[in-house]
PDB file of N, CA and C in Angstrom:
ATOM      1  N   MET A   1     -12.311  10.065  12.605  1.00  0.00           N
ATOM      2  CA  MET A   1     -11.317   9.898  11.552  1.00  0.00           C
ATOM      3  C   MET A   1     -11.343   8.445  11.064  1.00  0.00           C
ATOM      4  N   SER A   2     -11.293   8.298   9.771  1.00  0.00           N
ATOM      5  CA  SER A   2     -11.350   6.970   9.153  1.00  0.00           C
ATOM      6  C   SER A   2     -10.047   6.205   9.375  1.00  0.00           C
ATOM      7  N   SER A   3     -10.177   4.903   9.425  1.00  0.00           N
ATOM      8  CA  SER A   3      -8.996   4.044   9.576  1.00  0.00           C
ATOM      9  C   SER A   3      -8.573   3.448   8.235  1.00  0.00           C
ATOM     10  N   LYS A   4      -9.136   3.961   7.156  1.00  0.00           N
ATOM     11  CA  LYS A   4      -8.841   3.432   5.821  1.00  0.00           C
ATOM     12  C   LYS A   4      -7.622   4.125   5.227  1.00  0.00           C
ATOM     13  N   ILE A   5      -6.804   3.319   4.534  1.00  0.00           N
ATOM     14  CA  ILE A   5      -5.646   3.865   3.828  1.00  0.00           C
ATOM     15  C   ILE A   5      -5.596   3.287   2.415  1.00  0.00           C
ATOM     16  N   PHE A   6      -4.981   4.042   1.507  1.00  0.00           N
ATOM     17  CA  PHE A   6      -4.696   3.558   0.162  1.00  0.00           C
ATOM     18  C   PHE A   6      -3.205   3.271   0.071  1.00  0.00           C
ATOM     19  N   VAL A   7      -2.873   2.125  -0.506  1.00  0.00           N
ATOM     20  CA  VAL A   7      -1.478   1.756  -0.753  1.00  0.00           C
ATOM     21  C   VAL A   7      -1.339   1.571  -2.262  1.00  0.00           C
ATOM     22  N   THR A   8      -0.402   2.295  -2.857  1.00  0.00           N
ATOM     23  CA  THR A   8      -0.148   2.199  -4.292  1.00  0.00           C
ATOM     24  C   THR A   8       1.284   1.718  -4.489  1.00  0.00           C
ATOM     25  N   VAL A   9       1.437   0.684  -5.317  1.00  0.00           N
ATOM     26  CA  VAL A   9       2.750   0.097  -5.591  1.00  0.00           C
ATOM     27  C   VAL A   9       3.003   0.194  -7.092  1.00  0.00           C
ATOM     28  N   SER A  10       4.191   0.644  -7.469  1.00  0.00           N
ATOM     29  CA  SER A  10       4.489   0.820  -8.880  1.00  0.00           C
ATOM     30  C   SER A  10       5.967   0.539  -9.150  1.00  0.00           C
ATOM     31  N   GLY A  11       6.228  -0.110 -10.279  1.00  0.00           N
ATOM     32  CA  GLY A  11       7.611  -0.367 -10.675  1.00  0.00           C
ATOM     33  C   GLY A  11       7.691  -1.465 -11.712  1.00  0.00           C
ATOM     34  N   VAL A  12       8.906  -1.831 -12.062  1.00  0.00           N
ATOM     35  CA  VAL A  12       9.131  -2.880 -13.048  1.00  0.00           C
ATOM     36  C   VAL A  12       8.671  -4.209 -12.454  1.00  0.00           C
ATOM     37  N   ASP A  13       7.925  -4.970 -13.239  1.00  0.00           N
ATOM     38  CA  ASP A  13       7.376  -6.244 -12.760  1.00  0.00           C
ATOM     39  C   ASP A  13       8.485  -7.237 -12.445  1.00  0.00           C
ATOM     40  N   LYS A  14       8.305  -7.949 -11.340  1.00  0.00           N
ATOM     41  CA  LYS A  14       9.237  -8.998 -10.929  1.00  0.00           C
ATOM     42  C   LYS A  14       8.510  -9.941  -9.991  1.00  0.00           C
ATOM     43  N   VAL A  15       9.063 -11.089  -9.756  1.00  0.00           N
ATOM     44  CA  VAL A  15       8.479 -12.088  -8.867  1.00  0.00           C
ATOM     45  C   VAL A  15       8.528 -11.592  -7.421  1.00  0.00           C
ATOM     46  N   GLY A  16       7.424 -11.782  -6.685  1.00  0.00           N
ATOM     47  CA  GLY A  16       7.417 -11.547  -5.245  1.00  0.00           C
ATOM     48  C   GLY A  16       6.896 -10.217  -4.759  1.00  0.00           C
ATOM     49  N   ILE A  17       6.453  -9.347  -5.663  1.00  0.00           N
ATOM     50  CA  ILE A  17       5.991  -8.027  -5.240  1.00  0.00           C
ATOM     51  C   ILE A  17       4.780  -8.148  -4.305  1.00  0.00           C
ATOM     52  N   VAL A  18       3.761  -8.852  -4.755  1.00  0.00           N
ATOM     53  CA  VAL A  18       2.539  -8.987  -3.958  1.00  0.00           C
ATOM     54  C   VAL A  18       2.852  -9.677  -2.636  1.00  0.00           C
ATOM     55  N   ALA A  19       3.668 -10.723  -2.680  1.00  0.00           N
ATOM     56  CA  ALA A  19       4.025 -11.463  -1.470  1.00  0.00           C
ATOM     57  C   ALA A  19       4.719 -10.559  -0.450  1.00  0.00           C
ATOM     58  N   LYS A  20       5.655  -9.746  -0.895  1.00  0.00           N
ATOM     59  CA  LYS A  20       6.403  -8.869   0.013  1.00  0.00           C
ATOM     60  C   LYS A  20       5.495  -7.815   0.634  1.00  0.00           C
ATOM     61  N   VAL A  21       4.682  -7.160  -0.192  1.00  0.00           N
ATOM     62  CA  VAL A  21       3.816  -6.093   0.311  1.00  0.00           C
ATOM     63  C   VAL A  21       2.772  -6.651   1.272  1.00  0.00           C
ATOM     64  N   THR A  22       2.152  -7.759   0.907  1.00  0.00           N
ATOM     65  CA  THR A  22       1.124  -8.317   1.783  1.00  0.00           C
ATOM     66  C   THR A  22       1.738  -8.884   3.070  1.00  0.00           C
ATOM     67  N   ALA A  23       2.969  -9.352   3.023  1.00  0.00           N
ATOM     68  CA  ALA A  23       3.640  -9.828   4.238  1.00  0.00           C
ATOM     69  C   ALA A  23       3.859  -8.671   5.220  1.00  0.00           C
ATOM     70  N   VAL A  24       4.247  -7.524   4.704  1.00  0.00           N
ATOM     71  CA  VAL A  24       4.417  -6.335   5.564  1.00  0.00           C
ATOM     72  C   VAL A  24       3.072  -5.939   6.165  1.00  0.00           C
ATOM     73  N   LEU A  25       2.034  -5.921   5.341  1.00  0.00           N
ATOM     74  CA  LEU A  25       0.710  -5.565   5.851  1.00  0.00           C
ATOM     75  C   LEU A  25       0.259  -6.538   6.941  1.00  0.00           C
ATOM     76  N   ALA A  26       0.490  -7.817   6.744  1.00  0.00           N
ATOM     77  CA  ALA A  26       0.117  -8.814   7.753  1.00  0.00           C
ATOM     78  C   ALA A  26       0.914  -8.610   9.034  1.00  0.00           C
ATOM     79  N   GLN A  27       2.199  -8.367   8.904  1.00  0.00           N
ATOM     80  CA  GLN A  27       3.063  -8.152  10.071  1.00  0.00           C
ATOM     81  C   GLN A  27       2.582  -6.950  10.889  1.00  0.00           C
ATOM     82  N   TYR A  28       2.078  -5.921  10.209  1.00  0.00           N
ATOM     83  CA  TYR A  28       1.625  -4.704  10.879  1.00  0.00           C
ATOM     84  C   TYR A  28       0.115  -4.712  11.157  1.00  0.00           C
ATOM     85  N   GLU A  29      -0.488  -5.897  11.043  1.00  0.00           N
ATOM     86  CA  GLU A  29      -1.894  -6.108  11.415  1.00  0.00           C
ATOM     87  C   GLU A  29      -2.867  -5.237  10.614  1.00  0.00           C
ATOM     88  N   VAL A  30      -2.580  -5.091   9.325  1.00  0.00           N
ATOM     89  CA  VAL A  30      -3.403  -4.282   8.424  1.00  0.00           C
ATOM     90  C   VAL A  30      -4.270  -5.210   7.585  1.00  0.00           C
ATOM     91  N   ASN A  31      -5.561  -4.917   7.520  1.00  0.00           N
ATOM     92  CA  ASN A  31      -6.500  -5.724   6.739  1.00  0.00           C
ATOM     93  C   ASN A  31      -6.647  -5.157   5.330  1.00  0.00           C
ATOM     94  N   ILE A  32      -6.486  -6.003   4.323  1.00  0.00           N
ATOM     95  CA  ILE A  32      -6.701  -5.591   2.931  1.00  0.00           C
ATOM     96  C   ILE A  32      -8.169  -5.793   2.610  1.00  0.00           C
ATOM     97  N   GLU A  33      -8.847  -4.710   2.228  1.00  0.00           N
ATOM     98  CA  GLU A  33     -10.270  -4.786   1.910  1.00  0.00           C
ATOM     99  C   GLU A  33     -10.538  -4.904   0.422  1.00  0.00           C
ATOM    100  N   ASP A  34      -9.659  -4.341  -0.390  1.00  0.00           N
ATOM    101  CA  ASP A  34      -9.823  -4.416  -1.843  1.00  0.00           C
ATOM    102  C   ASP A  34      -8.441  -4.300  -2.467  1.00  0.00           C
ATOM    103  N   ILE A  35      -8.253  -5.003  -3.562  1.00  0.00           N
ATOM    104  CA  ILE A  35      -6.951  -4.986  -4.230  1.00  0.00           C
ATOM    105  C   ILE A  35      -7.159  -5.084  -5.736  1.00  0.00           C
ATOM    106  N   LYS A  36      -6.427  -4.263  -6.471  1.00  0.00           N
ATOM    107  CA  LYS A  36      -6.446  -4.289  -7.932  1.00  0.00           C
ATOM    108  C   LYS A  36      -5.000  -4.209  -8.394  1.00  0.00           C
ATOM    109  N   GLN A  37      -4.681  -4.978  -9.412  1.00  0.00           N
ATOM    110  CA  GLN A  37      -3.339  -4.886  -9.972  1.00  0.00           C
ATOM    111  C   GLN A  37      -3.395  -5.076 -11.474  1.00  0.00           C
ATOM    112  N   THR A  38      -2.398  -4.538 -12.129  1.00  0.00           N
ATOM    113  CA  THR A  38      -2.329  -4.662 -13.576  1.00  0.00           C
ATOM    114  C   THR A  38      -0.873  -4.565 -14.028  1.00  0.00           C
ATOM    115  N   LEU A  39      -0.624  -5.030 -15.214  1.00  0.00           N
ATOM    116  CA  LEU A  39       0.668  -4.855 -15.869  1.00  0.00           C
ATOM    117  C   LEU A  39       0.457  -3.961 -17.081  1.00  0.00           C
ATOM    118  N   MET A  40       1.249  -2.928 -17.186  1.00  0.00           N
ATOM    119  CA  MET A  40       1.172  -2.035 -18.342  1.00  0.00           C
ATOM    120  C   MET A  40       2.546  -1.992 -18.983  1.00  0.00           C
ATOM    121  N   GLN A  41       2.710  -2.736 -20.069  1.00  0.00           N
ATOM    122  CA  GLN A  41       3.973  -2.818 -20.802  1.00  0.00           C
ATOM    123  C   GLN A  41       5.146  -3.140 -19.873  1.00  0.00           C
ATOM    124  N   GLY A  42       4.966  -4.172 -19.049  1.00  0.00           N
ATOM    125  CA  GLY A  42       6.015  -4.610 -18.143  1.00  0.00           C
ATOM    126  C   GLY A  42       6.121  -3.824 -16.851  1.00  0.00           C
ATOM    127  N   HIS A  43       5.252  -2.829 -16.698  1.00  0.00           N
ATOM    128  CA  HIS A  43       5.250  -1.994 -15.499  1.00  0.00           C
ATOM    129  C   HIS A  43       4.125  -2.467 -14.582  1.00  0.00           C
ATOM    130  N   PHE A  44       4.457  -2.862 -13.362  1.00  0.00           N
ATOM    131  CA  PHE A  44       3.504  -3.383 -12.395  1.00  0.00           C
ATOM    132  C   PHE A  44       2.868  -2.230 -11.618  1.00  0.00           C
ATOM    133  N   VAL A  45       1.543  -2.254 -11.493  1.00  0.00           N
ATOM    134  CA  VAL A  45       0.824  -1.256 -10.698  1.00  0.00           C
ATOM    135  C   VAL A  45      -0.204  -1.990  -9.846  1.00  0.00           C
ATOM    136  N   MET A  46      -0.222  -1.679  -8.548  1.00  0.00           N
ATOM    137  CA  MET A  46      -1.184  -2.303  -7.641  1.00  0.00           C
ATOM    138  C   MET A  46      -1.755  -1.232  -6.714  1.00  0.00           C
ATOM    139  N   PHE A  47      -3.078  -1.286  -6.532  1.00  0.00           N
ATOM    140  CA  PHE A  47      -3.785  -0.389  -5.619  1.00  0.00           C
ATOM    141  C   PHE A  47      -4.467  -1.243  -4.564  1.00  0.00           C
ATOM    142  N   MET A  48      -4.364  -0.838  -3.315  1.00  0.00           N
ATOM    143  CA  MET A  48      -5.034  -1.558  -2.234  1.00  0.00           C
ATOM    144  C   MET A  48      -5.747  -0.567  -1.322  1.00  0.00           C
ATOM    145  N   LEU A  49      -6.967  -0.932  -0.952  1.00  0.00           N
ATOM    146  CA  LEU A  49      -7.687  -0.210   0.094  1.00  0.00           C
ATOM    147  C   LEU A  49      -7.552  -1.066   1.340  1.00  0.00           C
ATOM    148  N   CYS A  50      -7.001  -0.499   2.391  1.00  0.00           N
ATOM    149  CA  CYS A  50      -6.720  -1.255   3.609  1.00  0.00           C
ATOM    150  C   CYS A  50      -7.348  -0.568   4.819  1.00  0.00           C
ATOM    151  N   ASP A  51      -7.490  -1.349   5.889  1.00  0.00           N
ATOM    152  CA  ASP A  51      -8.035  -0.831   7.138  1.00  0.00           C
ATOM    153  C   ASP A  51      -7.007  -1.066   8.240  1.00  0.00           C
ATOM    154  N   ILE A  52      -6.638   0.014   8.938  1.00  0.00           N
ATOM    155  CA  ILE A  52      -5.638  -0.083  10.001  1.00  0.00           C
ATOM    156  C   ILE A  52      -6.277  -0.006  11.395  1.00  0.00           C
ATOM    157  N   ALA A  53      -7.604  -0.105  11.476  1.00  0.00           N
ATOM    158  CA  ALA A  53      -8.320   0.060  12.750  1.00  0.00           C
ATOM    159  C   ALA A  53      -7.856  -0.914  13.826  1.00  0.00           C
ATOM    160  N   LYS A  54      -7.555  -2.143  13.454  1.00  0.00           N
ATOM    161  CA  LYS A  54      -7.187  -3.164  14.448  1.00  0.00           C
ATOM    162  C   LYS A  54      -5.675  -3.304  14.622  1.00  0.00           C
ATOM    163  N   SER A  55      -4.923  -2.479  13.908  1.00  0.00           N
ATOM    164  CA  SER A  55      -3.469  -2.528  14.031  1.00  0.00           C
ATOM    165  C   SER A  55      -3.024  -1.857  15.329  1.00  0.00           C
ATOM    166  N   THR A  56      -1.993  -2.402  15.944  1.00  0.00           N
ATOM    167  CA  THR A  56      -1.414  -1.779  17.135  1.00  0.00           C
ATOM    168  C   THR A  56      -0.297  -0.804  16.748  1.00  0.00           C
ATOM    169  N   TYR A  57      -0.108  -0.597  15.445  1.00  0.00           N
ATOM    170  CA  TYR A  57       0.927   0.302  14.942  1.00  0.00           C
ATOM    171  C   TYR A  57       0.294   1.609  14.460  1.00  0.00           C
ATOM    172  N   THR A  58       1.084   2.657  14.433  1.00  0.00           N
ATOM    173  CA  THR A  58       0.597   3.950  13.951  1.00  0.00           C
ATOM    174  C   THR A  58       0.633   3.992  12.423  1.00  0.00           C
ATOM    175  N   PHE A  59      -0.116   4.929  11.856  1.00  0.00           N
ATOM    176  CA  PHE A  59      -0.082   5.147  10.411  1.00  0.00           C
ATOM    177  C   PHE A  59       1.359   5.397   9.957  1.00  0.00           C
ATOM    178  N   LYS A  60       2.074   6.208  10.700  1.00  0.00           N
ATOM    179  CA  LYS A  60       3.457   6.547  10.345  1.00  0.00           C
ATOM    180  C   LYS A  60       4.345   5.306  10.314  1.00  0.00           C
ATOM    181  N   GLU A  61       4.203   4.413  11.296  1.00  0.00           N
ATOM    182  CA  GLU A  61       5.004   3.191  11.338  1.00  0.00           C
ATOM    183  C   GLU A  61       4.683   2.274  10.158  1.00  0.00           C
ATOM    184  N   ILE A  62       3.405   2.164   9.835  1.00  0.00           N
ATOM    185  CA  ILE A  62       2.980   1.326   8.707  1.00  0.00           C
ATOM    186  C   ILE A  62       3.515   1.894   7.397  1.00  0.00           C
ATOM    187  N   LYS A  63       3.362   3.203   7.228  1.00  0.00           N
ATOM    188  CA  LYS A  63       3.832   3.873   6.014  1.00  0.00           C
ATOM    189  C   LYS A  63       5.346   3.690   5.851  1.00  0.00           C
ATOM    190  N   GLU A  64       6.089   3.849   6.929  1.00  0.00           N
ATOM    191  CA  GLU A  64       7.540   3.702   6.871  1.00  0.00           C
ATOM    192  C   GLU A  64       7.940   2.269   6.513  1.00  0.00           C
ATOM    193  N   ALA A  65       7.267   1.280   7.091  1.00  0.00           N
ATOM    194  CA  ALA A  65       7.575  -0.121   6.788  1.00  0.00           C
ATOM    195  C   ALA A  65       7.318  -0.439   5.319  1.00  0.00           C
ATOM    196  N   LEU A  66       6.205   0.056   4.784  1.00  0.00           N
ATOM    197  CA  LEU A  66       5.887  -0.189   3.379  1.00  0.00           C
ATOM    198  C   LEU A  66       6.861   0.533   2.453  1.00  0.00           C
ATOM    199  N   THR A  67       7.198   1.764   2.791  1.00  0.00           N
ATOM    200  CA  THR A  67       8.156   2.533   1.979  1.00  0.00           C
ATOM    201  C   THR A  67       9.512   1.835   1.963  1.00  0.00           C
ATOM    202  N   ASN A  68       9.945   1.332   3.114  1.00  0.00           N
ATOM    203  CA  ASN A  68      11.217   0.608   3.187  1.00  0.00           C
ATOM    204  C   ASN A  68      11.176  -0.672   2.357  1.00  0.00           C
ATOM    205  N   ALA A  69      10.055  -1.400   2.418  1.00  0.00           N
ATOM    206  CA  ALA A  69       9.903  -2.619   1.614  1.00  0.00           C
ATOM    207  C   ALA A  69       9.981  -2.288   0.130  1.00  0.00           C
ATOM    208  N   GLY A  70       9.366  -1.190  -0.255  1.00  0.00           N
ATOM    209  CA  GLY A  70       9.428  -0.755  -1.648  1.00  0.00           C
ATOM    210  C   GLY A  70      10.854  -0.476  -2.081  1.00  0.00           C
ATOM    211  N   GLY A  71      11.594   0.207  -1.234  1.00  0.00           N
ATOM    212  CA  GLY A  71      12.995   0.497  -1.535  1.00  0.00           C
ATOM    213  C   GLY A  71      13.826  -0.761  -1.709  1.00  0.00           C
ATOM    214  N   GLU A  72      13.567  -1.759  -0.865  1.00  0.00           N
ATOM    215  CA  GLU A  72      14.294  -3.027  -0.964  1.00  0.00           C
ATOM    216  C   GLU A  72      14.027  -3.737  -2.289  1.00  0.00           C
ATOM    217  N   MET A  73      12.827  -3.527  -2.840  1.00  0.00           N
ATOM    218  CA  MET A  73      12.453  -4.188  -4.098  1.00  0.00           C
ATOM    219  C   MET A  73      12.690  -3.306  -5.321  1.00  0.00           C
ATOM    220  N   GLY A  74      13.103  -2.068  -5.111  1.00  0.00           N
ATOM    221  CA  GLY A  74      13.254  -1.132  -6.216  1.00  0.00           C
ATOM    222  C   GLY A  74      11.910  -0.658  -6.757  1.00  0.00           C
ATOM    223  N   MET A  75      10.895  -0.630  -5.879  1.00  0.00           N
ATOM    224  CA  MET A  75       9.542  -0.219  -6.255  1.00  0.00           C
ATOM    225  C   MET A  75       9.179   1.073  -5.528  1.00  0.00           C
ATOM    226  N   GLU A  76       8.260   1.818  -6.098  1.00  0.00           N
ATOM    227  CA  GLU A  76       7.699   2.990  -5.417  1.00  0.00           C
ATOM    228  C   GLU A  76       6.446   2.541  -4.678  1.00  0.00           C
ATOM    229  N   ILE A  77       6.339   2.876  -3.411  1.00  0.00           N
ATOM    230  CA  ILE A  77       5.131   2.591  -2.648  1.00  0.00           C
ATOM    231  C   ILE A  77       4.683   3.880  -1.975  1.00  0.00           C
ATOM    232  N   TRP A  78       3.429   4.240  -2.241  1.00  0.00           N
ATOM    233  CA  TRP A  78       2.818   5.422  -1.631  1.00  0.00           C
ATOM    234  C   TRP A  78       1.717   4.958  -0.695  1.00  0.00           C
ATOM    235  N   VAL A  79       1.628   5.590   0.460  1.00  0.00           N
ATOM    236  CA  VAL A  79       0.598   5.259   1.438  1.00  0.00           C
ATOM    237  C   VAL A  79      -0.086   6.565   1.824  1.00  0.00           C
ATOM    238  N   GLN A  80      -1.421   6.589   1.656  1.00  0.00           N
ATOM    239  CA  GLN A  80      -2.190   7.795   1.965  1.00  0.00           C
ATOM    240  C   GLN A  80      -3.409   7.443   2.794  1.00  0.00           C
ATOM    241  N   LYS A  81      -3.766   8.334   3.693  1.00  0.00           N
ATOM    242  CA  LYS A  81      -5.036   8.183   4.398  1.00  0.00           C
ATOM    243  C   LYS A  81      -6.151   8.410   3.392  1.00  0.00           C
ATOM    244  N   LYS A  82      -7.220   7.664   3.507  1.00  0.00           N
ATOM    245  CA  LYS A  82      -8.309   7.725   2.534  1.00  0.00           C
ATOM    246  C   LYS A  82      -8.909   9.125   2.447  1.00  0.00           C
ATOM    247  N   GLU A  83      -9.064   9.815   3.586  1.00  0.00           N
ATOM    248  CA  GLU A  83      -9.655  11.168   3.550  1.00  0.00           C
ATOM    249  C   GLU A  83      -8.836  12.108   2.683  1.00  0.00           C
ATOM    250  N   ILE A  84      -7.514  12.028   2.802  1.00  0.00           N
ATOM    251  CA  ILE A  84      -6.644  12.894   2.012  1.00  0.00           C
ATOM    252  C   ILE A  84      -6.747  12.539   0.541  1.00  0.00           C
ATOM    253  N   PHE A  85      -6.738  11.241   0.246  1.00  0.00           N
ATOM    254  CA  PHE A  85      -6.879  10.783  -1.127  1.00  0.00           C
ATOM    255  C   PHE A  85      -8.198  11.287  -1.713  1.00  0.00           C
ATOM    256  N   ASP A  86      -9.294  11.117  -0.971  1.00  0.00           N
ATOM    257  CA  ASP A  86     -10.605  11.564  -1.443  1.00  0.00           C
ATOM    258  C   ASP A  86     -10.634  13.057  -1.685  1.00  0.00           C
ATOM    259  N   ASN A  87     -10.059  13.837  -0.770  1.00  0.00           N
ATOM    260  CA  ASN A  87     -10.050  15.290  -0.920  1.00  0.00           C
ATOM    261  C   ASN A  87      -9.202  15.740  -2.095  1.00  0.00           C
ATOM    262  N   MET A  88      -8.116  15.029  -2.374  1.00  0.00           N
ATOM    263  CA  MET A  88      -7.275  15.378  -3.517  1.00  0.00           C
ATOM    264  C   MET A  88      -7.994  15.133  -4.842  1.00  0.00           C
ATOM    265  N   HIS A  89      -8.945  14.196  -4.859  1.00  0.00           N
ATOM    266  CA  HIS A  89      -9.594  13.830  -6.096  1.00  0.00           C
ATOM    267  C   HIS A  89     -11.026  14.348  -6.215  1.00  0.00           C
ATOM    268  N   ASN A  90     -11.419  15.221  -5.298  1.00  0.00           N
ATOM    269  CA  ASN A  90     -12.721  15.887  -5.383  1.00  0.00           C
ATOM    270  C   ASN A  90     -12.502  17.345  -5.735  1.00  0.00           C
ATOM    271  N   ILE A  91     -13.176  17.780  -6.773  1.00  0.00           N
ATOM    272  CA  ILE A  91     -13.009  19.179  -7.198  1.00  0.00           C
ATOM    273  C   ILE A  91     -14.326  19.893  -6.983  1.00  0.00           C
TER     274      ILE A  91
END
């Protein structure tokens, strides 16, 4: 099973979004392998490919921490295992 996860962040742009999300990832020992972000008419969207192989936390714990951080910022944060993401987008 792969240790890769996708993290998607979406919401109204404001100061500190990247800092907050990456701080949670660092706290949970998650490595960011790739990151893309954009602004679409004031709407912030960020995609990250991360690796949780060296984390001492479970996928569920990481997902919950990120979801809670999103709630604190008024942002939507989705966390998916890469295999599930890949299967959803393969027809």
